[in-house]
N, C-alpha and C. Protein backbone atom coordinates (compact mmCIF):
# COMPACT_ATOMS: atom_id res chain seq x y z
N MET A 1 0.97 -1.27 0.33
CA MET A 1 -0.43 0.03 0.28
C MET A 1 1.46 0.72 -0.03
N ASP A 2 2.27 1.50 0.67
CA ASP A 2 3.27 2.03 0.25
C ASP A 2 3.55 3.16 -0.91
N PHE A 3 2.76 1.74 -2.13
CA PHE A 3 2.91 2.53 -3.87
C PHE A 3 1.80 3.27 -3.70
N LEU A 4 0.41 3.97 -3.36
CA LEU A 4 -0.57 4.33 -3.23
C LEU A 4 0.00 6.21 -2.70
N LYS A 5 0.73 6.00 -1.68
CA LYS A 5 0.64 6.91 -1.37
C LYS A 5 1.76 7.84 -2.03
N ARG A 6 2.55 7.20 -2.26
CA ARG A 6 3.12 8.32 -3.62
C ARG A 6 2.71 8.83 -4.73
N ILE A 7 1.40 8.45 -4.51
CA ILE A 7 0.62 9.05 -6.45
C ILE A 7 -0.14 10.50 -6.14
N PRO A 8 0.66 10.72 -6.45
CA PRO A 8 -0.33 12.43 -6.69
C PRO A 8 -1.53 12.45 -6.19
N GLY A 9 -2.24 13.11 -5.41
CA GLY A 9 -3.58 13.35 -5.11
C GLY A 9 -4.34 12.46 -4.28
N ALA A 10 -2.89 10.94 -4.01
CA ALA A 10 -4.20 9.59 -2.90
C ALA A 10 -3.71 10.17 -1.80
N ALA A 11 -3.44 10.68 -1.11
CA ALA A 11 -3.88 11.01 0.36
C ALA A 11 -5.20 11.88 0.14
N TRP A 12 -4.83 13.31 -0.46
CA TRP A 12 -5.93 13.94 -0.17
C TRP A 12 -8.40 13.19 -0.53
N ALA A 13 -7.57 11.89 -2.03
CA ALA A 13 -9.03 11.55 -1.80
C ALA A 13 -9.05 10.16 -1.69
N ALA A 14 -7.99 9.59 -0.16
CA ALA A 14 -8.19 8.89 0.73
C ALA A 14 -9.27 10.11 1.86
N LYS A 15 -8.93 11.00 2.27
CA LYS A 15 -9.44 12.22 3.10
C LYS A 15 -10.72 12.80 2.99
N HIS A 16 -11.24 12.76 1.33
CA HIS A 16 -12.43 13.15 0.19
C HIS A 16 -13.00 12.08 -0.27
N PRO A 17 -13.05 11.26 0.20
CA PRO A 17 -13.64 9.51 -1.00
C PRO A 17 -15.16 10.04 -1.84
N ARG A 18 -15.87 10.20 -1.60
CA ARG A 18 -16.95 11.33 -1.95
C ARG A 18 -16.64 12.35 -2.35
N LEU A 19 -16.19 13.62 -2.72
CA LEU A 19 -15.56 14.63 -3.43
C LEU A 19 -14.90 13.91 -4.13
N ALA A 20 -13.82 13.07 -4.43
CA ALA A 20 -13.00 12.40 -5.09
C ALA A 20 -13.89 11.64 -6.31
N ALA A 21 -14.65 10.86 -5.49
CA ALA A 21 -15.84 9.79 -6.70
C ALA A 21 -16.60 11.00 -7.40
N TRP A 22 -17.46 11.53 -7.08
CA TRP A 22 -17.75 12.66 -7.61
C TRP A 22 -16.64 13.19 -8.84
N ILE A 23 -15.67 13.96 -8.78
CA ILE A 23 -14.67 14.19 -9.63
C ILE A 23 -14.07 13.00 -10.69
N VAL A 24 -14.35 12.08 -10.22
CA VAL A 24 -14.00 11.23 -11.93
C VAL A 24 -15.20 10.78 -11.68
N LEU A 25 -15.70 10.48 -11.25
CA LEU A 25 -17.03 10.12 -12.27
C LEU A 25 -17.80 11.79 -13.35
N SER A 26 -17.62 12.20 -12.66
CA SER A 26 -17.87 13.93 -13.68
C SER A 26 -16.89 13.71 -14.66
N VAL A 27 -16.38 13.09 -14.65
CA VAL A 27 -14.47 13.37 -16.23
C VAL A 27 -15.26 12.56 -17.04
N GLY A 28 -15.32 11.45 -16.35
CA GLY A 28 -15.75 10.71 -16.99
C GLY A 28 -17.51 10.89 -17.84
N MET A 29 -18.22 10.64 -16.99
CA MET A 29 -19.03 11.16 -17.75
C MET A 29 -19.24 12.58 -18.29
N VAL A 30 -19.27 13.79 -18.11
CA VAL A 30 -18.99 14.64 -19.15
C VAL A 30 -18.12 14.21 -20.46
N ALA A 31 -16.46 13.28 -20.18
CA ALA A 31 -16.32 13.07 -21.81
C ALA A 31 -17.31 12.12 -22.86
N ILE A 32 -17.83 11.38 -22.32
CA ILE A 32 -19.03 10.93 -22.70
C ILE A 32 -20.42 11.54 -24.07
N VAL A 33 -20.66 12.32 -22.22
CA VAL A 33 -21.45 13.41 -23.41
C VAL A 33 -20.81 14.26 -23.86
N GLY A 34 -20.14 14.77 -23.55
CA GLY A 34 -19.52 15.73 -24.69
C GLY A 34 -19.38 14.94 -25.95
N PHE A 35 -18.67 13.20 -26.73
CA PHE A 35 -17.98 12.23 -26.92
C PHE A 35 -19.94 12.14 -27.88
N GLU A 36 -20.59 12.08 -27.01
CA GLU A 36 -21.68 12.34 -28.47
C GLU A 36 -22.85 13.57 -28.41
N ALA A 37 -22.11 14.86 -28.01
CA ALA A 37 -22.92 14.81 -28.44
C ALA A 37 -22.58 16.38 -29.20
N ARG A 38 -21.74 16.24 -30.27
CA ARG A 38 -20.39 17.58 -29.96
C ARG A 38 -21.10 17.86 -31.95
N ASP A 39 -21.78 16.35 -31.96
CA ASP A 39 -22.50 17.07 -33.61
C ASP A 39 -24.30 16.66 -33.16
N ALA A 40 -24.50 16.88 -31.84
CA ALA A 40 -25.98 17.20 -32.46
C ALA A 40 -26.46 18.37 -32.90
N GLY A 41 -26.03 19.31 -33.06
CA GLY A 41 -26.44 20.93 -32.67
C GLY A 41 -26.55 21.27 -32.28
N LEU A 42 -25.98 21.69 -31.76
CA LEU A 42 -26.21 22.56 -30.28
C LEU A 42 -25.49 23.56 -30.04
N LEU A 43 -26.52 25.03 -29.71
CA LEU A 43 -26.16 25.58 -29.30
C LEU A 43 -24.67 25.39 -28.10
N ALA A 44 -23.20 26.52 -27.90
CA ALA A 44 -22.94 26.26 -27.30
C ALA A 44 -23.52 26.87 -25.47
N THR A 45 -24.55 27.86 -25.22
CA THR A 45 -24.60 27.17 -23.87
C THR A 45 -25.42 26.92 -23.68
N GLN A 46 -26.06 25.82 -24.55
CA GLN A 46 -26.78 24.30 -25.16
C GLN A 46 -26.05 23.30 -23.87
N PHE A 47 -24.99 23.74 -24.58
CA PHE A 47 -23.93 22.56 -24.58
C PHE A 47 -23.07 22.90 -22.81
N ILE A 48 -23.24 24.15 -23.06
CA ILE A 48 -22.55 24.68 -21.12
C ILE A 48 -23.81 23.81 -20.44
N ALA A 49 -25.29 24.15 -20.57
CA ALA A 49 -25.77 23.88 -20.08
C ALA A 49 -25.79 22.33 -19.77
N LEU A 50 -26.02 21.89 -20.83
CA LEU A 50 -26.15 19.92 -20.28
C LEU A 50 -24.19 19.39 -20.22
N LEU A 51 -23.56 19.09 -20.21
CA LEU A 51 -22.27 19.46 -18.74
C LEU A 51 -22.52 20.19 -17.98
N ALA A 52 -23.56 20.60 -17.30
CA ALA A 52 -23.20 20.93 -16.51
C ALA A 52 -24.17 20.26 -15.36
N ALA A 53 -25.52 19.42 -16.67
CA ALA A 53 -26.71 19.01 -15.90
C ALA A 53 -25.62 17.69 -15.32
N THR A 54 -24.79 17.21 -15.97
CA THR A 54 -23.84 15.69 -16.51
C THR A 54 -23.59 15.76 -14.59
N VAL A 55 -23.11 17.26 -14.82
CA VAL A 55 -21.66 16.93 -13.69
C VAL A 55 -22.84 16.82 -12.55
N LEU A 56 -23.69 17.46 -12.13
CA LEU A 56 -25.02 17.97 -10.96
C LEU A 56 -25.33 16.07 -11.36
N VAL A 57 -25.77 15.67 -12.09
CA VAL A 57 -26.26 13.81 -11.99
C VAL A 57 -25.32 13.04 -11.82
N ALA A 58 -23.73 13.41 -11.59
CA ALA A 58 -22.33 12.58 -11.21
C ALA A 58 -22.75 12.73 -9.91
N GLY A 59 -22.85 14.21 -9.56
CA GLY A 59 -22.65 14.54 -7.65
C GLY A 59 -23.86 13.29 -6.72
N LEU A 60 -24.66 13.86 -7.43
CA LEU A 60 -26.03 13.00 -6.90
C LEU A 60 -26.72 11.25 -7.23
N CYS A 61 -25.80 11.09 -7.92
CA CYS A 61 -25.33 8.94 -8.42
C CYS A 61 -24.41 8.84 -6.79
N VAL A 62 -23.30 10.29 -6.85
CA VAL A 62 -21.91 10.05 -5.96
C VAL A 62 -22.86 9.81 -4.59
N TYR A 63 -24.12 10.22 -4.11
CA TYR A 63 -25.20 11.03 -2.60
C TYR A 63 -25.81 10.17 -3.03
N ILE A 64 -26.17 9.40 -3.80
CA ILE A 64 -26.98 8.10 -3.22
C ILE A 64 -26.24 6.32 -3.37
N VAL A 65 -25.01 6.33 -4.06
CA VAL A 65 -24.30 5.39 -3.26
C VAL A 65 -23.86 5.39 -2.24
N ALA A 66 -23.66 6.60 -1.57
CA ALA A 66 -23.62 6.47 -0.02
C ALA A 66 -24.37 6.31 0.44
N TRP A 67 -25.65 6.61 -0.06
CA TRP A 67 -26.38 6.20 1.19
C TRP A 67 -26.04 4.79 2.36
N GLU A 68 -25.73 3.85 1.32
CA GLU A 68 -25.06 2.70 1.70
C GLU A 68 -24.31 2.75 2.69
N ASP A 69 -23.48 3.96 2.94
CA ASP A 69 -22.10 3.43 3.37
C ASP A 69 -22.90 4.67 4.42
N SER A 70 -23.76 5.22 5.19
CA SER A 70 -24.66 5.59 6.55
C SER A 70 -25.93 4.94 6.65
N ALA A 71 -26.13 4.04 6.04
CA ALA A 71 -26.95 3.21 6.29
C ALA A 71 -27.00 2.11 7.77
N GLU A 72 -27.35 2.10 8.90
CA GLU A 72 -27.13 1.17 9.37
C GLU A 72 -27.35 -0.77 9.53
N PRO A 73 -26.12 -0.86 9.99
CA PRO A 73 -26.31 -2.44 9.84
C PRO A 73 -27.83 -2.66 10.40
N ALA A 74 -28.24 -3.85 9.39
CA ALA A 74 -29.24 -4.87 9.46
C ALA A 74 -29.37 -5.55 11.53
N LYS A 75 -30.83 -5.56 11.76
CA LYS A 75 -30.86 -5.87 13.47
C LYS A 75 -30.21 -7.43 13.18
N SER A 76 -30.05 -8.01 14.01
CA SER A 76 -30.84 -9.82 14.58
C SER A 76 -31.74 -10.34 14.56
N GLY A 77 -32.02 -11.32 14.31
CA GLY A 77 -33.06 -11.76 14.94
C GLY A 77 -33.08 -11.27 16.45
N ALA A 78 -32.63 -11.51 17.19
CA ALA A 78 -32.93 -11.71 18.70
C ALA A 78 -33.62 -10.41 18.64
N GLU A 79 -32.65 -9.01 18.77
CA GLU A 79 -33.20 -7.95 18.77
C GLU A 79 -34.27 -7.33 17.94
N SER A 80 -34.82 -7.77 16.50
CA SER A 80 -35.88 -7.83 15.90
C SER A 80 -37.08 -8.30 16.47
N SER A 81 -36.98 -9.14 17.05
CA SER A 81 -37.67 -9.89 17.48
C SER A 81 -38.52 -9.06 18.89
N THR A 82 -37.79 -8.48 20.07
CA THR A 82 -38.50 -7.67 20.75
C THR A 82 -39.41 -6.30 20.00
N ASP A 83 -39.04 -5.62 19.40
CA ASP A 83 -39.18 -4.74 18.92
C ASP A 83 -40.83 -4.85 18.29
N THR A 84 -41.37 -5.71 18.16
CA THR A 84 -42.71 -6.18 17.34
C THR A 84 -43.33 -6.33 18.77
N PRO A 85 -44.44 -5.15 18.87
CA PRO A 85 -45.75 -5.44 19.36
C PRO A 85 -45.99 -6.64 19.96
N SER A 86 -46.49 -6.95 21.09
CA SER A 86 -46.82 -8.50 22.02
C SER A 86 -48.14 -8.41 21.77
N ASP A 87 -48.26 -9.20 21.23
CA ASP A 87 -50.65 -9.35 21.87
C ASP A 87 -51.40 -9.54 23.56
N PRO A 88 -52.20 -8.51 23.73
CA PRO A 88 -52.80 -7.76 24.91
C PRO A 88 -53.01 -9.04 24.48
N ALA A 89 -53.75 -10.28 24.67
CA ALA A 89 -55.10 -10.86 24.91
C ALA A 89 -53.67 -12.45 25.65
N LYS A 90 -52.75 -12.46 25.27
CA LYS A 90 -51.83 -12.75 25.91
C LYS A 90 -50.87 -13.37 27.14
N GLU A 91 -51.28 -11.86 26.71
CA GLU A 91 -50.66 -11.17 28.19
C GLU A 91 -51.21 -11.27 29.88
N SER A 92 -52.85 -11.41 29.79
CA SER A 92 -53.41 -11.35 29.96
C SER A 92 -53.40 -13.18 31.46
């Protein structure tokens, strides 16, 4: 893992993984959309708006994927059985 420390920007990406993922995904998506839309006959402002929307979609994708990182772990079977309401007829 020492070779990762020598890569420029690797320490920053390790501290900010979501922002780094957003940047990398944005670059890839902008490259693809820019390549595919180059001959679509868009005006310059339309092309810029398309690329800006692409960057925002990439950020939204990273945000949605990050939901899994912050999700609570699933409860075990013993814990979940205590959370269910008991039957009042059985208590009497």
